[in-house]
Amino acid sequence: MEKMLKITLKKSCIGRLEKHIATARTLGLRRVRQTVVHRATPQILGMVSRISHLVEVEEVAGEQQ
């Protein structure tokens, strides 16, 4: 069973740096309170750490997605 992350956009991307907006879009986050589930790969963890002030992350178990 692999580690999965449930990522929720908690704050708006309006007025943020272009890098942060692009990172949120790449993760699949378009609207506030939108949630996506991704595998916990180094690439995803790096994107989450870049916009950690905008998102909330929970670890979920299982083969979701």
Protein backbone atom coordinates (compact mmCIF):
# COMPACT_ATOMS: atom_id res chain seq x y z
CA MET A 1 0.00 0.00 0.00
CA GLU A 2 1.55 3.28 -1.04
CA LYS A 3 1.32 6.61 0.69
CA MET A 4 -1.22 9.04 -0.71
CA LEU A 5 -1.68 12.74 0.05
CA LYS A 6 -4.98 14.59 0.16
CA ILE A 7 -4.17 18.22 -0.74
CA THR A 8 -6.71 21.00 -0.21
CA LEU A 9 -6.30 24.60 -1.38
CA LYS A 10 -7.06 26.73 1.71
CA LYS A 11 -6.12 30.21 0.52
CA SER A 12 -6.64 32.01 -2.76
CA CYS A 13 -3.86 32.29 -5.33
CA ILE A 14 -4.88 35.85 -6.23
CA GLY A 15 -1.94 38.21 -5.79
CA ARG A 16 0.58 35.39 -5.29
CA LEU A 17 3.81 34.84 -7.18
CA GLU A 18 3.44 33.31 -10.64
CA LYS A 19 5.50 30.30 -9.49
CA HIS A 20 3.01 29.61 -6.70
CA ILE A 21 0.00 29.97 -9.00
CA ALA A 22 1.58 27.62 -11.55
CA THR A 23 2.41 25.08 -8.86
CA ALA A 24 -1.17 25.05 -7.58
CA ARG A 25 -2.49 24.61 -11.13
CA THR A 26 -0.03 21.79 -11.80
CA LEU A 27 -1.28 19.97 -8.71
CA GLY A 28 -4.81 20.31 -10.10
CA LEU A 29 -6.00 22.95 -7.65
CA ARG A 30 -8.19 25.58 -9.29
CA ARG A 31 -10.56 26.81 -6.55
CA VAL A 32 -10.39 27.41 -2.82
CA ARG A 33 -11.53 24.32 -0.83
CA GLN A 34 -10.86 22.06 -3.82
CA THR A 35 -9.22 18.76 -2.87
CA VAL A 36 -7.04 16.44 -4.94
CA VAL A 37 -5.31 13.15 -4.10
CA HIS A 38 -1.78 12.40 -5.30
CA ARG A 39 0.86 9.77 -4.61
CA ALA A 40 3.55 10.97 -2.21
CA THR A 41 6.39 11.18 -4.74
CA PRO A 42 9.39 13.49 -4.28
CA GLN A 43 8.05 15.75 -7.05
CA ILE A 44 4.65 16.17 -5.39
CA LEU A 45 6.22 16.71 -1.96
CA GLY A 46 8.43 19.43 -3.45
CA MET A 47 5.43 21.19 -5.01
CA VAL A 48 3.51 20.97 -1.74
CA SER A 49 6.42 22.43 0.22
CA ARG A 50 6.64 25.34 -2.25
CA ILE A 51 3.01 26.34 -1.59
CA SER A 52 2.67 25.01 1.97
CA HIS A 53 1.27 28.37 3.12
CA LEU A 54 -1.67 27.96 0.70
CA VAL A 55 -2.59 24.29 1.18
CA GLU A 56 -3.53 21.78 3.84
CA VAL A 57 -2.13 18.26 3.47
CA GLU A 58 -3.42 15.02 4.97
CA GLU A 59 -1.96 11.56 4.57
CA VAL A 60 -4.44 8.94 3.45
CA ALA A 61 -3.86 5.22 2.96
CA GLY A 62 -4.89 3.17 0.00
CA GLU A 63 -5.06 2.88 -3.72
CA GLN A 64 -7.11 6.00 -4.44
CA GLN A 65 -7.10 7.94 -7.68
